[in-house]
Amino acid sequence: MNINATLIGQAIAFIIFVWFCMKYVWPPLMAAIEERQKKIADGLASAERASKDLDLAQQKATDQIKEGKQQAAEIIEQANKRGAQIVEEAKAEAEAVRAKIIAQGEAEIEAERNRARDQLRAQVATLAVAGAEKILQRSIDADAHSDIVEKLAAEL
């Protein structure tokens, strides 16, 4: 056999094999490789987006926590103000009740003082009549001279 014919036959078989591979085998392999590259690229892009979304979510969470703390501080401040206002209202109400009680007490004292004066006037008038009886050594009719006794009591 001739080596040249074998080499030419092998070369032709190799060329047909290469053509067959490039025509029927290579395109599906390249499509699979490209699809895999696309999946990997999409996965990396998704991972990048997820990382950015996570950062954004963490930032939003931090902002919401700060806002929540601020709102809590405002609510506490309002509660403190309302508590102080309630205490002031209670003090004012207690002061008003105190003033009312003092006024009632003073009115009662004044009424008692007037009653005591009236009783003392009556007693003084009786004592004056008794003293006048002893001085005059005679009985004075209190009913007949009641206008004098009342006038004397009013002067006292």
C-alpha atoms as a PDB file:
ATOM      1  CA  MET A   1       0.000   0.000   0.000  1.00  0.00           C
ATOM      2  CA  ASN A   2       0.872   3.412  -0.665  1.00  0.00           C
ATOM      3  CA  ILE A   3       1.291   5.727   2.341  1.00  0.00           C
ATOM      4  CA  ASN A   4       0.289   8.708   0.306  1.00  0.00           C
ATOM      5  CA  ALA A   5      -3.072   7.220  -0.582  1.00  0.00           C
ATOM      6  CA  THR A   6      -3.624   6.297   3.063  1.00  0.00           C
ATOM      7  CA  LEU A   7      -2.673   9.757   4.165  1.00  0.00           C
ATOM      8  CA  ILE A   8      -4.941  11.324   1.584  1.00  0.00           C
ATOM      9  CA  GLY A   9      -7.774   8.965   2.637  1.00  0.00           C
ATOM     10  CA  GLN A  10      -7.226   9.790   6.293  1.00  0.00           C
ATOM     11  CA  ALA A  11      -7.043  13.494   5.482  1.00  0.00           C
ATOM     12  CA  ILE A  12     -10.333  13.261   3.540  1.00  0.00           C
ATOM     13  CA  ALA A  13     -11.916  11.258   6.396  1.00  0.00           C
ATOM     14  CA  PHE A  14     -10.628  13.836   8.888  1.00  0.00           C
ATOM     15  CA  ILE A  15     -11.980  16.725   6.789  1.00  0.00           C
ATOM     16  CA  ILE A  16     -15.384  14.972   6.536  1.00  0.00           C
ATOM     17  CA  PHE A  17     -15.283  14.326  10.286  1.00  0.00           C
ATOM     18  CA  VAL A  18     -14.423  17.985  10.999  1.00  0.00           C
ATOM     19  CA  TRP A  19     -17.134  19.167   8.594  1.00  0.00           C
ATOM     20  CA  PHE A  20     -19.663  16.785  10.207  1.00  0.00           C
ATOM     21  CA  CYS A  21     -18.676  17.980  13.713  1.00  0.00           C
ATOM     22  CA  MET A  22     -18.856  21.651  12.666  1.00  0.00           C
ATOM     23  CA  LYS A  23     -22.211  21.118  10.968  1.00  0.00           C
ATOM     24  CA  TYR A  24     -24.013  18.900  13.490  1.00  0.00           C
ATOM     25  CA  VAL A  25     -22.067  18.637  16.761  1.00  0.00           C
ATOM     26  CA  TRP A  26     -20.493  22.054  17.215  1.00  0.00           C
ATOM     27  CA  PRO A  27     -23.691  24.239  17.070  1.00  0.00           C
ATOM     28  CA  PRO A  28     -25.514  22.370  19.889  1.00  0.00           C
ATOM     29  CA  LEU A  29     -22.339  22.439  21.991  1.00  0.00           C
ATOM     30  CA  MET A  30     -21.892  26.170  21.384  1.00  0.00           C
ATOM     31  CA  ALA A  31     -25.586  26.768  22.118  1.00  0.00           C
ATOM     32  CA  ALA A  32     -25.281  24.845  25.397  1.00  0.00           C
ATOM     33  CA  ILE A  33     -22.128  26.765  26.312  1.00  0.00           C
ATOM     34  CA  GLU A  34     -23.711  30.117  25.454  1.00  0.00           C
ATOM     35  CA  GLU A  35     -26.865  29.203  27.372  1.00  0.00           C
ATOM     36  CA  ARG A  36     -24.766  28.244  30.368  1.00  0.00           C
ATOM     37  CA  GLN A  37     -22.791  31.507  30.096  1.00  0.00           C
ATOM     38  CA  LYS A  38     -26.066  33.424  29.916  1.00  0.00           C
ATOM     39  CA  LYS A  39     -27.416  31.595  33.002  1.00  0.00           C
ATOM     40  CA  ILE A  40     -24.226  32.336  34.893  1.00  0.00           C
ATOM     41  CA  ALA A  41     -24.324  36.004  33.838  1.00  0.00           C
ATOM     42  CA  ASP A  42     -28.007  36.236  34.830  1.00  0.00           C
ATOM     43  CA  GLY A  43     -27.223  34.578  38.151  1.00  0.00           C
ATOM     44  CA  LEU A  44     -24.397  37.012  38.822  1.00  0.00           C
ATOM     45  CA  ALA A  45     -26.611  39.943  37.843  1.00  0.00           C
ATOM     46  CA  SER A  46     -29.387  38.617  40.086  1.00  0.00           C
ATOM     47  CA  ALA A  47     -26.908  38.209  42.923  1.00  0.00           C
ATOM     48  CA  GLU A  48     -25.717  41.781  42.375  1.00  0.00           C
ATOM     49  CA  ARG A  49     -29.315  43.066  42.310  1.00  0.00           C
ATOM     50  CA  ALA A  50     -30.120  41.027  45.409  1.00  0.00           C
ATOM     51  CA  SER A  51     -27.080  42.496  47.143  1.00  0.00           C
ATOM     52  CA  LYS A  52     -28.174  46.015  46.197  1.00  0.00           C
ATOM     53  CA  ASP A  53     -31.748  45.243  47.265  1.00  0.00           C
ATOM     54  CA  LEU A  54     -30.449  43.903  50.573  1.00  0.00           C
ATOM     55  CA  ASP A  55     -28.406  47.051  51.123  1.00  0.00           C
ATOM     56  CA  LEU A  56     -31.448  49.164  50.228  1.00  0.00           C
ATOM     57  CA  ALA A  57     -33.680  47.123  52.532  1.00  0.00           C
ATOM     58  CA  GLN A  58     -31.170  47.450  55.363  1.00  0.00           C
ATOM     59  CA  GLN A  59     -31.031  51.207  54.774  1.00  0.00           C
ATOM     60  CA  LYS A  60     -34.840  51.412  54.763  1.00  0.00           C
ATOM     61  CA  ALA A  61     -34.992  49.325  57.933  1.00  0.00           C
ATOM     62  CA  THR A  62     -32.445  51.590  59.586  1.00  0.00           C
ATOM     63  CA  ASP A  63     -34.425  54.661  58.500  1.00  0.00           C
ATOM     64  CA  GLN A  64     -37.668  53.152  59.777  1.00  0.00           C
ATOM     65  CA  ILE A  65     -36.032  52.289  63.089  1.00  0.00           C
ATOM     66  CA  LYS A  66     -34.779  55.860  63.401  1.00  0.00           C
ATOM     67  CA  GLU A  67     -38.218  57.178  62.489  1.00  0.00           C
ATOM     68  CA  GLY A  68     -39.823  54.816  64.997  1.00  0.00           C
ATOM     69  CA  LYS A  69     -37.450  55.968  67.720  1.00  0.00           C
ATOM     70  CA  GLN A  70     -38.190  59.583  66.847  1.00  0.00           C
ATOM     71  CA  GLN A  71     -41.932  58.952  66.939  1.00  0.00           C
ATOM     72  CA  ALA A  72     -41.552  57.122  70.254  1.00  0.00           C
ATOM     73  CA  ALA A  73     -39.606  60.075  71.635  1.00  0.00           C
ATOM     74  CA  GLU A  74     -42.329  62.446  70.418  1.00  0.00           C
ATOM     75  CA  ILE A  75     -45.037  60.281  71.984  1.00  0.00           C
ATOM     76  CA  ILE A  76     -43.117  60.167  75.262  1.00  0.00           C
ATOM     77  CA  GLU A  77     -42.654  63.932  75.129  1.00  0.00           C
ATOM     78  CA  GLN A  78     -46.380  64.424  74.490  1.00  0.00           C
ATOM     79  CA  ALA A  79     -47.193  62.043  77.339  1.00  0.00           C
ATOM     80  CA  ASN A  80     -44.871  63.976  79.652  1.00  0.00           C
ATOM     81  CA  LYS A  81     -46.469  67.264  78.608  1.00  0.00           C
ATOM     82  CA  ARG A  82     -49.948  65.825  79.110  1.00  0.00           C
ATOM     83  CA  GLY A  83     -48.906  64.441  82.497  1.00  0.00           C
ATOM     84  CA  ALA A  84     -47.554  67.833  83.523  1.00  0.00           C
ATOM     85  CA  GLN A  85     -50.753  69.455  82.262  1.00  0.00           C
ATOM     86  CA  ILE A  86     -52.878  67.003  84.262  1.00  0.00           C
ATOM     87  CA  VAL A  87     -50.781  67.697  87.356  1.00  0.00           C
ATOM     88  CA  GLU A  88     -51.203  71.452  86.845  1.00  0.00           C
ATOM     89  CA  GLU A  89     -54.951  71.039  86.329  1.00  0.00           C
ATOM     90  CA  ALA A  90     -55.149  68.929  89.480  1.00  0.00           C
ATOM     91  CA  LYS A  91     -53.170  71.562  91.404  1.00  0.00           C
ATOM     92  CA  ALA A  92     -55.461  74.312  90.129  1.00  0.00           C
ATOM     93  CA  GLU A  93     -58.544  72.276  91.006  1.00  0.00           C
ATOM     94  CA  ALA A  94     -57.131  71.467  94.442  1.00  0.00           C
ATOM     95  CA  GLU A  95     -56.353  75.153  94.960  1.00  0.00           C
ATOM     96  CA  ALA A  96     -59.914  76.060  93.995  1.00  0.00           C
ATOM     97  CA  VAL A  97     -61.311  73.436  96.381  1.00  0.00           C
ATOM     98  CA  ARG A  98     -58.944  74.671  99.095  1.00  0.00           C
ATOM     99  CA  ALA A  99     -60.079  78.261  98.555  1.00  0.00           C
ATOM    100  CA  LYS A 100     -63.726  77.150  98.641  1.00  0.00           C
ATOM    101  CA  ILE A 101     -63.188  75.205 101.875  1.00  0.00           C
ATOM    102  CA  ILE A 102     -61.366  78.163 103.429  1.00  0.00           C
ATOM    103  CA  ALA A 103     -64.172  80.510 102.362  1.00  0.00           C
ATOM    104  CA  GLN A 104     -66.773  78.150 103.836  1.00  0.00           C
ATOM    105  CA  GLY A 105     -64.764  77.912 107.041  1.00  0.00           C
ATOM    106  CA  GLU A 106     -64.431  81.669 107.269  1.00  0.00           C
ATOM    107  CA  ALA A 107     -68.171  82.045 106.621  1.00  0.00           C
ATOM    108  CA  GLU A 108     -68.903  79.519 109.366  1.00  0.00           C
ATOM    109  CA  ILE A 109     -66.522  81.322 111.721  1.00  0.00           C
ATOM    110  CA  GLU A 110     -68.173  84.661 110.905  1.00  0.00           C
ATOM    111  CA  ALA A 111     -71.631  83.180 111.439  1.00  0.00           C
ATOM    112  CA  GLU A 112     -70.531  81.648 114.747  1.00  0.00           C
ATOM    113  CA  ARG A 113     -68.967  84.964 115.762  1.00  0.00           C
ATOM    114  CA  ASN A 114     -72.240  86.777 114.961  1.00  0.00           C
ATOM    115  CA  ARG A 115     -74.243  84.213 116.938  1.00  0.00           C
ATOM    116  CA  ALA A 116     -71.829  84.591 119.864  1.00  0.00           C
ATOM    117  CA  ARG A 117     -72.174  88.392 119.678  1.00  0.00           C
ATOM    118  CA  ASP A 118     -75.944  88.142 119.618  1.00  0.00           C
ATOM    119  CA  GLN A 119     -75.867  85.790 122.612  1.00  0.00           C
ATOM    120  CA  LEU A 120     -73.453  88.102 124.419  1.00  0.00           C
ATOM    121  CA  ARG A 121     -75.676  91.104 123.668  1.00  0.00           C
ATOM    122  CA  ALA A 122     -78.672  89.256 125.023  1.00  0.00           C
ATOM    123  CA  GLN A 123     -76.727  88.264 128.119  1.00  0.00           C
ATOM    124  CA  VAL A 124     -75.388  91.791 128.561  1.00  0.00           C
ATOM    125  CA  ALA A 125     -78.890  93.177 128.181  1.00  0.00           C
ATOM    126  CA  THR A 126     -80.145  90.716 130.802  1.00  0.00           C
ATOM    127  CA  LEU A 127     -77.240  91.641 133.065  1.00  0.00           C
ATOM    128  CA  ALA A 128     -77.920  95.321 132.499  1.00  0.00           C
ATOM    129  CA  VAL A 129     -81.568  94.863 133.420  1.00  0.00           C
ATOM    130  CA  ALA A 130     -80.570  92.874 136.479  1.00  0.00           C
ATOM    131  CA  GLY A 131     -78.036  95.538 137.394  1.00  0.00           C
ATOM    132  CA  ALA A 132     -80.604  98.275 136.870  1.00  0.00           C
ATOM    133  CA  GLU A 133     -83.083  96.366 139.067  1.00  0.00           C
ATOM    134  CA  LYS A 134     -80.590  96.155 141.825  1.00  0.00           C
ATOM    135  CA  ILE A 135     -79.718  99.790 141.453  1.00  0.00           C
ATOM    136  CA  LEU A 136     -83.281 100.956 141.449  1.00  0.00           C
ATOM    137  CA  GLN A 137     -84.252  98.313 143.965  1.00  0.00           C
ATOM    138  CA  ARG A 138     -87.323  97.627 142.080  1.00  0.00           C
ATOM    139  CA  SER A 139     -88.413  95.302 139.355  1.00  0.00           C
ATOM    140  CA  ILE A 140     -88.379  96.595 135.825  1.00  0.00           C
ATOM    141  CA  ASP A 141     -90.808  95.002 133.454  1.00  0.00           C
ATOM    142  CA  ALA A 142     -88.675  93.620 130.583  1.00  0.00           C
ATOM    143  CA  ASP A 143     -91.690  93.389 128.246  1.00  0.00           C
ATOM    144  CA  ALA A 144     -92.670  96.972 128.878  1.00  0.00           C
ATOM    145  CA  HIS A 145     -89.204  98.298 128.396  1.00  0.00           C
ATOM    146  CA  SER A 146     -88.100  95.929 125.612  1.00  0.00           C
ATOM    147  CA  ASP A 147     -87.456  98.815 123.228  1.00  0.00           C
ATOM    148  CA  ILE A 148     -84.889 100.230 125.675  1.00  0.00           C
ATOM    149  CA  VAL A 149     -83.316  96.794 126.091  1.00  0.00           C
ATOM    150  CA  GLU A 150     -83.136  96.244 122.299  1.00  0.00           C
ATOM    151  CA  LYS A 151     -81.638  99.687 121.823  1.00  0.00           C
ATOM    152  CA  LEU A 152     -79.049  98.944 124.479  1.00  0.00           C
ATOM    153  CA  ALA A 153     -78.246  95.561 122.884  1.00  0.00           C
ATOM    154  CA  ALA A 154     -77.871  97.206 119.442  1.00  0.00           C
ATOM    155  CA  GLU A 155     -75.452  99.772 120.829  1.00  0.00           C
ATOM    156  CA  LEU A 156     -73.291  97.061 122.280  1.00  0.00           C
END
